[in-house]
Amino acid sequence: MLTRSLNGLKVIDFTQVAAGPTCTMMLAGFGADVIKIEALGGELGRAFWPQIKGQSVTFMALNCNKRSIALDLKNEAHLRIARELAATADVIVESFRPGVMDRLSLGYEQIRAGNPRVIYCSISAYGQEGPWRDRAGVDGVVQALSGLMSVTGTAGAPPCKIQVPIVDIVTGYLASVSVLAALARRDREGVGLHVDASMFGSAIALQQAAFATYFADGVVPDRLGSAAPYAAPNEALRCADGWIMVAAYQPARWEALCQALGIPDKATDPRFADLPRRIANRSELIRMLEEQVVKRSKSEWIEVFQALDIICGPINDYSEVVNSPPFADPRMVEKVVHPTVGEMVMPRFPLSAVGELPSVRRPAPLVGEHTGEILSELGYGVEHAELILTSQRKAERAFPE
């Protein structure tokens, strides 16, 4: 099974919020034993809203299949435990600002000295070596700096970010891909590697084709709303009862669309006869199409267009998505039982082999839920584990919900 590919691999997770936890969530989903090292009061992502019974939904979504140990890295005894865990790791993932792990004697060179095969992944806003390496960054700010917000939304409207933390998530995905590549290299050559995952670099990678186009023609792209800058029609069209997305820019589909709308002569209209002219005359094109599309409902047009192999779909809100036919596929979601929240529905792990139905092995952990278990695996006795757990309980009292 694909989701057992990393069975036996130990990952030590020094990350928080979204980008780093997404990376380690992917590794855990493939079967790795991910040990999440958290502050005594829990990582920052646990404070995000909404919350159910004191548990952050965001945290629970990004931390399934992991174990948690709570340590105070300012305490030398706790820090020694973190170093012991790092010394036994196959993979370490951290998301502190560059230099922080070095100051804790947990940096790559320090760990590699005793663990030369370690794959060490550093996730940061602007990379480990760039001119902005010391700057902090968050998803929205990186969306702005990377140009992503400049091409999101409609012309003349205020700046608009993508609401989901897309830079965080894609950084986590790309970091996990880099870790897997480094593991393959280690299997082949027997050596570890320091992987650098940058949020800014990931945001640029999201726009790879767009930046390549800018380098080619020097034209700063406009905000086009739902439209694709490279094709037309490939955008939202207003129907009698809402909106649908239509992609009919290939010649055969463009002709079929004109036939379906009862305007067959427009397929060869000099303004719209080929793709470059349809892009150049997009405003006129959309006005012409919507004059016809607005006469009927979404469901009527979708039925007509699908019969002609015109690619289309309704613009759904979340309630419509979860009631749509493709979402009924059992690979989309699963029920997870959390020890505090109880049963909840979560998106299923997104990758699997054909015929495989991945499922959560364990829900997102409570803060330090596995501290005693992990310390026991390191050879510590019950008394030592109780000292750590007592520190955690004091921290919980200091930071009430």
Protein backbone atom coordinates (compact mmCIF):
# COMPACT_ATOMS: atom_id res chain seq x y z
CA MET A 1 0.00 0.00 0.00
CA LEU A 2 1.21 3.50 -0.83
CA THR A 3 0.25 4.70 2.64
CA ARG A 4 2.67 2.20 4.20
CA SER A 5 5.60 3.28 2.04
CA LEU A 6 7.42 5.01 4.91
CA ASN A 7 6.67 2.47 7.64
CA GLY A 8 9.60 2.30 10.05
CA LEU A 9 10.81 5.81 9.22
CA LYS A 10 11.16 8.17 12.20
CA VAL A 11 10.42 11.86 11.65
CA ILE A 12 11.01 14.49 14.34
CA ASP A 13 8.71 17.46 13.79
CA PHE A 14 9.74 20.89 15.13
CA THR A 15 7.09 22.76 13.12
CA GLN A 16 3.93 24.70 13.82
CA VAL A 17 0.94 26.43 12.21
CA ALA A 18 0.51 25.19 8.59
CA ALA A 19 3.45 24.83 6.18
CA GLY A 20 5.58 22.56 8.37
CA PRO A 21 2.64 20.53 9.73
CA THR A 22 1.45 19.96 6.15
CA CYS A 23 4.85 18.52 5.25
CA THR A 24 4.92 16.16 8.23
CA MET A 25 1.24 15.29 7.74
CA MET A 26 2.14 14.01 4.27
CA LEU A 27 5.03 11.93 5.65
CA ALA A 28 2.79 10.57 8.41
CA GLY A 29 0.13 9.75 5.81
CA PHE A 30 2.68 7.60 4.01
CA GLY A 31 3.30 5.64 7.21
CA ALA A 32 6.18 7.45 8.93
CA ASP A 33 6.27 7.68 12.73
CA VAL A 34 6.07 11.46 13.18
CA ILE A 35 6.96 12.69 16.65
CA LYS A 36 5.78 16.26 17.10
CA ILE A 37 7.83 18.29 19.60
CA GLU A 38 5.62 21.01 21.06
CA ALA A 39 6.01 23.72 23.66
CA LEU A 40 4.51 22.81 27.02
CA GLY A 41 1.42 24.87 26.20
CA GLY A 42 1.17 23.45 22.69
CA GLU A 43 2.14 24.84 19.30
CA LEU A 44 0.75 28.11 17.94
CA GLY A 45 -1.67 26.37 15.56
CA ARG A 46 -3.64 25.02 18.52
CA ALA A 47 -4.85 28.59 19.20
CA PHE A 48 -6.47 29.00 15.76
CA TRP A 49 -10.24 29.25 15.42
CA PRO A 50 -12.76 27.76 15.08
CA GLN A 51 -12.44 25.43 18.05
CA ILE A 52 -14.54 22.50 19.24
CA LYS A 53 -14.32 21.65 22.92
CA GLY A 54 -11.07 23.60 23.15
CA GLN A 55 -9.46 21.90 20.13
CA SER A 56 -8.53 23.85 17.00
CA VAL A 57 -10.12 22.44 13.85
CA THR A 58 -7.14 23.66 11.79
CA PHE A 59 -4.70 21.88 14.08
CA MET A 60 -6.70 18.66 13.96
CA ALA A 61 -6.87 18.81 10.17
CA LEU A 62 -3.09 19.11 9.74
CA ASN A 63 -1.77 16.83 12.46
CA CYS A 64 -3.42 13.44 12.08
CA ASN A 65 -1.24 10.33 12.44
CA LYS A 66 1.34 12.09 14.64
CA ARG A 67 2.49 11.61 18.23
CA SER A 68 3.12 14.59 20.53
CA ILE A 69 5.74 15.17 23.19
CA ALA A 70 5.68 18.47 25.12
CA LEU A 71 9.10 19.95 25.93
CA ASP A 72 10.42 23.32 27.05
CA LEU A 73 13.43 23.89 24.78
CA LYS A 74 14.68 26.61 27.15
CA ASN A 75 15.10 23.91 29.81
CA GLU A 76 18.41 22.07 29.41
CA ALA A 77 17.00 18.72 30.55
CA HIS A 78 14.12 18.98 28.06
CA LEU A 79 16.48 20.18 25.34
CA ARG A 80 18.67 17.14 25.92
CA ILE A 81 15.65 14.92 25.20
CA ALA A 82 15.02 16.79 21.95
CA ARG A 83 18.64 16.22 20.95
CA GLU A 84 18.37 12.52 21.76
CA LEU A 85 15.29 12.26 19.55
CA ALA A 86 17.08 14.12 16.76
CA ALA A 87 20.04 11.76 17.04
CA THR A 88 17.77 8.80 16.22
CA ALA A 89 15.79 10.47 13.44
CA ASP A 90 15.66 9.56 9.78
CA VAL A 91 14.09 12.95 9.03
CA ILE A 92 13.93 16.22 10.93
CA VAL A 93 11.55 18.98 9.82
CA GLU A 94 11.75 22.43 11.42
CA SER A 95 10.12 25.78 10.72
CA PHE A 96 11.94 28.23 12.98
CA ARG A 97 13.66 31.31 11.59
CA PRO A 98 17.13 30.47 10.23
CA GLY A 99 19.66 30.26 13.07
CA VAL A 100 17.27 29.32 15.87
CA MET A 101 17.95 25.59 15.66
CA ASP A 102 21.72 26.26 15.58
CA ARG A 103 21.44 28.23 18.82
CA LEU A 104 19.69 25.24 20.39
CA SER A 105 22.46 22.90 19.15
CA LEU A 106 19.80 21.26 16.97
CA GLY A 107 21.02 22.65 13.62
CA TYR A 108 21.84 20.46 10.64
CA GLU A 109 25.62 20.43 11.06
CA GLN A 110 25.29 19.73 14.79
CA ILE A 111 22.88 16.82 14.25
CA ARG A 112 24.75 15.48 11.22
CA ALA A 113 27.92 15.12 13.31
CA GLY A 114 26.32 12.20 15.15
CA ASN A 115 23.65 11.25 12.60
CA PRO A 116 25.25 11.57 9.14
CA ARG A 117 22.31 9.96 7.31
CA VAL A 118 19.72 12.42 8.60
CA ILE A 119 17.48 14.22 6.12
CA TYR A 120 16.99 17.68 7.60
CA CYS A 121 14.27 19.90 6.13
CA SER A 122 14.18 23.60 7.04
CA ILE A 123 10.99 25.48 6.17
CA SER A 124 11.08 29.27 6.33
CA ALA A 125 9.56 32.34 4.71
CA TYR A 126 12.48 33.29 2.44
CA GLY A 127 14.95 30.40 2.56
CA GLN A 128 18.14 29.59 4.44
CA GLU A 129 20.53 31.53 2.20
CA GLY A 130 18.66 34.40 0.54
CA PRO A 131 18.96 38.13 1.36
CA TRP A 132 15.76 38.00 3.41
CA ARG A 133 16.63 34.82 5.32
CA ASP A 134 16.16 36.51 8.71
CA ARG A 135 12.72 37.96 7.97
CA ALA A 136 9.53 36.42 9.30
CA GLY A 137 6.68 35.79 6.90
CA VAL A 138 3.13 34.48 6.86
CA ASP A 139 0.91 33.21 4.07
CA GLY A 140 -0.93 36.46 3.28
CA VAL A 141 2.22 38.59 3.24
CA VAL A 142 4.00 36.10 0.98
CA GLN A 143 0.96 36.05 -1.32
CA ALA A 144 1.38 39.82 -1.59
CA LEU A 145 5.16 39.88 -2.06
CA SER A 146 5.20 37.06 -4.60
CA GLY A 147 2.75 38.73 -6.97
CA LEU A 148 0.00 36.20 -6.31
CA MET A 149 -2.37 38.86 -4.97
CA SER A 150 -1.72 41.05 -8.02
CA VAL A 151 -3.35 38.47 -10.28
CA THR A 152 -6.15 37.43 -7.89
CA GLY A 153 -9.54 39.14 -8.02
CA THR A 154 -11.06 41.46 -10.60
CA ALA A 155 -9.71 44.57 -12.31
CA GLY A 156 -10.38 47.76 -10.33
CA ALA A 157 -11.28 45.92 -7.11
CA PRO A 158 -9.20 46.07 -3.90
CA PRO A 159 -6.34 43.56 -3.52
CA CYS A 160 -7.60 40.04 -2.92
CA LYS A 161 -5.81 37.08 -1.37
CA ILE A 162 -6.67 33.45 -1.91
CA GLN A 163 -8.67 32.69 1.24
CA VAL A 164 -7.20 29.26 1.91
CA PRO A 165 -3.54 29.51 3.02
CA ILE A 166 -2.34 28.28 -0.33
CA VAL A 167 1.31 29.30 0.07
CA ASP A 168 1.55 27.48 3.40
CA ILE A 169 -0.04 24.35 1.97
CA VAL A 170 1.96 24.21 -1.27
CA THR A 171 5.17 24.86 0.68
CA GLY A 172 4.37 21.87 2.86
CA TYR A 173 3.65 19.70 -0.16
CA LEU A 174 6.84 20.75 -1.94
CA ALA A 175 8.86 20.23 1.24
CA SER A 176 7.53 16.67 1.54
CA VAL A 177 8.45 16.00 -2.10
CA SER A 178 11.99 17.26 -1.39
CA VAL A 179 12.25 15.02 1.67
CA LEU A 180 11.17 11.99 -0.36
CA ALA A 181 13.74 12.83 -3.06
CA ALA A 182 16.44 13.21 -0.40
CA LEU A 183 15.48 9.84 1.10
CA ALA A 184 15.82 8.22 -2.34
CA ARG A 185 19.28 9.79 -2.69
CA ARG A 186 20.22 8.54 0.76
CA ASP A 187 19.17 5.02 -0.16
CA ARG A 188 21.38 5.25 -3.24
CA GLU A 189 24.42 7.08 -1.84
CA GLY A 190 24.14 6.55 1.93
CA VAL A 191 24.33 10.23 2.91
CA GLY A 192 21.96 12.77 4.41
CA LEU A 193 21.03 16.21 3.12
CA HIS A 194 19.87 19.63 4.31
CA VAL A 195 16.69 20.51 2.39
CA ASP A 196 15.68 24.18 2.05
CA ALA A 197 11.94 24.87 1.60
CA SER A 198 10.98 28.52 1.12
CA MET A 199 7.45 29.92 1.22
CA PHE A 200 8.45 32.69 -1.20
CA GLY A 201 10.05 30.18 -3.59
CA SER A 202 6.97 27.97 -3.39
CA ALA A 203 4.71 30.93 -4.18
CA ILE A 204 6.82 31.68 -7.26
CA ALA A 205 6.63 28.00 -8.26
CA LEU A 206 2.83 28.22 -8.09
CA GLN A 207 3.12 30.88 -10.80
CA GLN A 208 5.78 29.13 -12.88
CA ALA A 209 4.04 29.47 -16.25
CA ALA A 210 2.88 33.02 -15.48
CA PHE A 211 6.40 34.24 -14.65
CA ALA A 212 7.80 32.44 -17.70
CA THR A 213 5.24 34.35 -19.78
CA TYR A 214 6.25 37.63 -18.16
CA PHE A 215 9.93 36.97 -18.89
CA ALA A 216 9.00 36.18 -22.50
CA ASP A 217 6.81 39.21 -23.29
CA GLY A 218 7.47 41.71 -20.47
CA VAL A 219 3.75 42.34 -19.99
CA VAL A 220 2.57 42.68 -16.37
CA PRO A 221 -0.59 40.54 -16.14
CA ASP A 222 -3.94 42.04 -15.22
CA ARG A 223 -6.40 40.66 -12.70
CA LEU A 224 -8.96 38.76 -14.76
CA GLY A 225 -11.36 37.39 -12.16
CA SER A 226 -12.31 33.86 -13.18
CA ALA A 227 -10.65 34.03 -16.61
CA ALA A 228 -7.50 32.23 -17.69
CA PRO A 229 -5.01 34.62 -19.33
CA TYR A 230 -3.90 31.97 -21.82
CA ALA A 231 -7.30 30.84 -23.16
CA ALA A 232 -10.82 32.03 -23.98
CA PRO A 233 -13.52 31.20 -23.31
CA ASN A 234 -12.24 29.69 -20.08
CA GLU A 235 -14.13 31.55 -17.34
CA ALA A 236 -17.35 31.94 -15.39
CA LEU A 237 -20.55 32.70 -17.28
CA ARG A 238 -23.74 34.00 -15.69
CA CYS A 239 -26.82 31.78 -16.05
CA ALA A 240 -30.42 32.49 -15.07
CA ASP A 241 -29.86 31.14 -11.55
CA GLY A 242 -26.14 31.46 -10.89
CA TRP A 243 -22.77 30.84 -12.51
CA ILE A 244 -21.00 28.05 -14.33
CA MET A 245 -17.38 27.68 -15.36
CA VAL A 246 -16.89 26.89 -19.04
CA ALA A 247 -13.68 25.86 -20.82
CA ALA A 248 -14.37 25.83 -24.56
CA TYR A 249 -11.22 27.29 -26.06
CA GLN A 250 -10.15 24.31 -28.16
CA PRO A 251 -11.38 24.69 -31.77
CA ALA A 252 -13.87 21.82 -31.73
CA ARG A 253 -15.31 22.84 -28.37
CA TRP A 254 -15.49 26.50 -29.40
CA GLU A 255 -17.55 25.53 -32.45
CA ALA A 256 -19.74 23.22 -30.35
CA LEU A 257 -20.36 26.00 -27.83
CA CYS A 258 -21.50 28.40 -30.55
CA GLN A 259 -23.82 25.71 -31.94
CA ALA A 260 -25.28 24.99 -28.49
CA LEU A 261 -25.93 28.68 -27.87
CA GLY A 262 -27.66 29.12 -31.22
CA ILE A 263 -25.01 31.45 -32.63
CA PRO A 264 -23.10 29.16 -35.04
CA ASP A 265 -21.94 32.08 -37.20
CA LYS A 266 -19.94 33.51 -34.28
CA ALA A 267 -17.52 30.58 -34.44
CA THR A 268 -15.98 32.15 -37.54
CA ASP A 269 -16.54 35.80 -36.62
CA PRO A 270 -13.21 37.57 -37.36
CA ARG A 271 -13.09 38.80 -33.73
CA PHE A 272 -13.32 35.28 -32.32
CA ALA A 273 -12.15 32.91 -35.05
CA ASP A 274 -9.00 31.74 -33.26
CA LEU A 275 -7.59 31.68 -29.75
CA PRO A 276 -5.37 34.82 -29.93
CA ARG A 277 -8.28 36.91 -31.23
CA ARG A 278 -10.69 35.55 -28.62
CA ILE A 279 -8.19 36.48 -25.88
CA ALA A 280 -7.68 39.96 -27.39
CA ASN A 281 -11.45 40.53 -27.60
CA ARG A 282 -12.38 38.80 -24.36
CA SER A 283 -14.79 41.50 -23.11
CA GLU A 284 -16.84 41.42 -26.31
CA LEU A 285 -16.69 37.63 -26.33
CA ILE A 286 -18.07 37.26 -22.81
CA ARG A 287 -20.84 39.81 -23.38
CA MET A 288 -21.91 37.88 -26.47
CA LEU A 289 -21.87 34.51 -24.70
CA GLU A 290 -23.71 35.72 -21.61
CA GLU A 291 -26.50 37.20 -23.70
CA GLN A 292 -27.34 33.59 -24.54
CA VAL A 293 -26.28 31.75 -21.38
CA VAL A 294 -28.35 33.95 -19.06
CA LYS A 295 -31.54 32.68 -20.71
CA ARG A 296 -31.36 29.24 -19.05
CA SER A 297 -30.45 27.67 -15.72
CA LYS A 298 -27.12 26.20 -14.65
CA SER A 299 -28.40 22.63 -14.71
CA GLU A 300 -29.90 23.03 -18.19
CA TRP A 301 -26.69 24.38 -19.69
CA ILE A 302 -24.53 21.80 -17.96
CA GLU A 303 -26.65 19.01 -19.41
CA VAL A 304 -26.43 20.54 -22.90
CA PHE A 305 -22.70 21.24 -22.72
CA GLN A 306 -21.73 17.87 -21.29
CA ALA A 307 -23.61 16.12 -24.11
CA LEU A 308 -21.33 18.01 -26.53
CA ASP A 309 -18.13 17.31 -24.55
CA ILE A 310 -17.80 20.97 -23.56
CA ILE A 311 -15.90 21.05 -20.27
CA CYS A 312 -17.98 22.83 -17.63
CA GLY A 313 -19.18 22.77 -14.05
CA PRO A 314 -21.22 24.80 -11.57
CA ILE A 315 -19.47 27.26 -9.26
CA ASN A 316 -20.22 25.56 -5.96
CA ASP A 317 -20.07 26.83 -2.41
CA TYR A 318 -18.90 24.36 0.25
CA SER A 319 -22.42 23.10 1.01
CA GLU A 320 -22.89 22.33 -2.69
CA VAL A 321 -19.46 20.70 -2.96
CA VAL A 322 -20.14 18.21 -0.18
CA ASN A 323 -23.46 17.26 -1.80
CA SER A 324 -22.04 16.91 -5.30
CA PRO A 325 -21.59 13.53 -7.06
CA PRO A 326 -17.76 13.52 -7.12
CA PHE A 327 -17.66 14.23 -3.39
CA ALA A 328 -19.68 11.06 -2.77
CA ASP A 329 -16.54 9.07 -3.64
CA PRO A 330 -15.45 7.37 -0.37
CA ARG A 331 -11.89 8.58 -1.01
CA MET A 332 -12.92 12.16 -0.25
CA VAL A 333 -13.67 12.13 3.49
CA GLU A 334 -13.69 9.85 6.52
CA LYS A 335 -14.93 9.88 10.09
CA VAL A 336 -12.24 10.32 12.73
CA VAL A 337 -12.78 9.83 16.46
CA HIS A 338 -10.88 12.40 18.52
CA PRO A 339 -10.42 11.74 22.26
CA THR A 340 -11.83 15.16 23.24
CA VAL A 341 -14.05 16.20 20.34
CA GLY A 342 -15.50 12.80 19.54
CA GLU A 343 -16.52 11.80 16.00
CA MET A 344 -15.80 14.34 13.28
CA VAL A 345 -15.62 14.32 9.49
CA MET A 346 -12.25 15.13 7.93
CA PRO A 347 -10.84 15.14 4.38
CA ARG A 348 -9.14 11.83 3.68
CA PHE A 349 -5.39 11.64 2.94
CA PRO A 350 -5.23 12.80 -0.69
CA LEU A 351 -2.83 10.21 -2.17
CA SER A 352 -3.32 6.49 -2.58
CA ALA A 353 -2.67 3.57 -4.87
CA VAL A 354 -5.45 2.30 -7.13
CA GLY A 355 -7.84 0.23 -5.03
CA GLU A 356 -6.47 1.63 -1.77
CA LEU A 357 -8.61 3.56 0.70
CA PRO A 358 -6.27 5.44 3.07
CA SER A 359 -7.50 6.03 6.58
CA VAL A 360 -6.27 7.89 9.65
CA ARG A 361 -4.26 5.66 11.98
CA ARG A 362 -4.64 8.08 14.88
CA PRO A 363 -6.33 11.49 15.29
CA ALA A 364 -4.34 14.66 15.89
CA PRO A 365 -2.71 14.35 19.31
CA LEU A 366 -3.47 16.28 22.46
CA VAL A 367 -0.58 18.41 23.72
CA GLY A 368 2.09 16.00 24.98
CA GLU A 369 -0.29 13.06 24.69
CA HIS A 370 2.57 10.64 23.98
CA THR A 371 5.26 12.18 26.19
CA GLY A 372 5.51 9.20 28.53
CA GLU A 373 5.44 6.70 25.67
CA ILE A 374 8.18 8.48 23.72
CA LEU A 375 10.40 8.93 26.78
CA SER A 376 10.03 5.24 27.55
CA GLU A 377 11.23 4.43 24.03
CA LEU A 378 14.32 6.55 24.74
CA GLY A 379 14.96 4.53 27.90
CA TYR A 380 13.72 7.02 30.49
CA GLY A 381 11.99 5.70 33.59
CA VAL A 382 8.55 6.55 34.86
CA GLU A 383 9.96 9.06 37.35
CA HIS A 384 11.63 11.14 34.65
CA ALA A 385 8.52 11.07 32.48
CA GLU A 386 6.45 12.28 35.43
CA LEU A 387 8.75 15.30 35.89
CA ILE A 388 8.14 16.32 32.27
CA LEU A 389 4.40 15.74 32.57
CA THR A 390 4.30 17.82 35.76
CA SER A 391 5.96 20.69 33.88
CA GLN A 392 3.33 20.37 31.17
CA ARG A 393 0.46 20.42 33.67
CA LYS A 394 1.88 23.59 35.25
CA ALA A 395 2.06 25.18 31.81
CA GLU A 396 -1.58 24.25 31.13
CA ARG A 397 -2.63 25.97 34.37
CA ALA A 398 -0.61 29.05 33.39
CA PHE A 399 -2.35 29.30 30.02
CA PRO A 400 -6.06 28.57 30.62
CA GLU A 401 -8.45 28.29 27.69
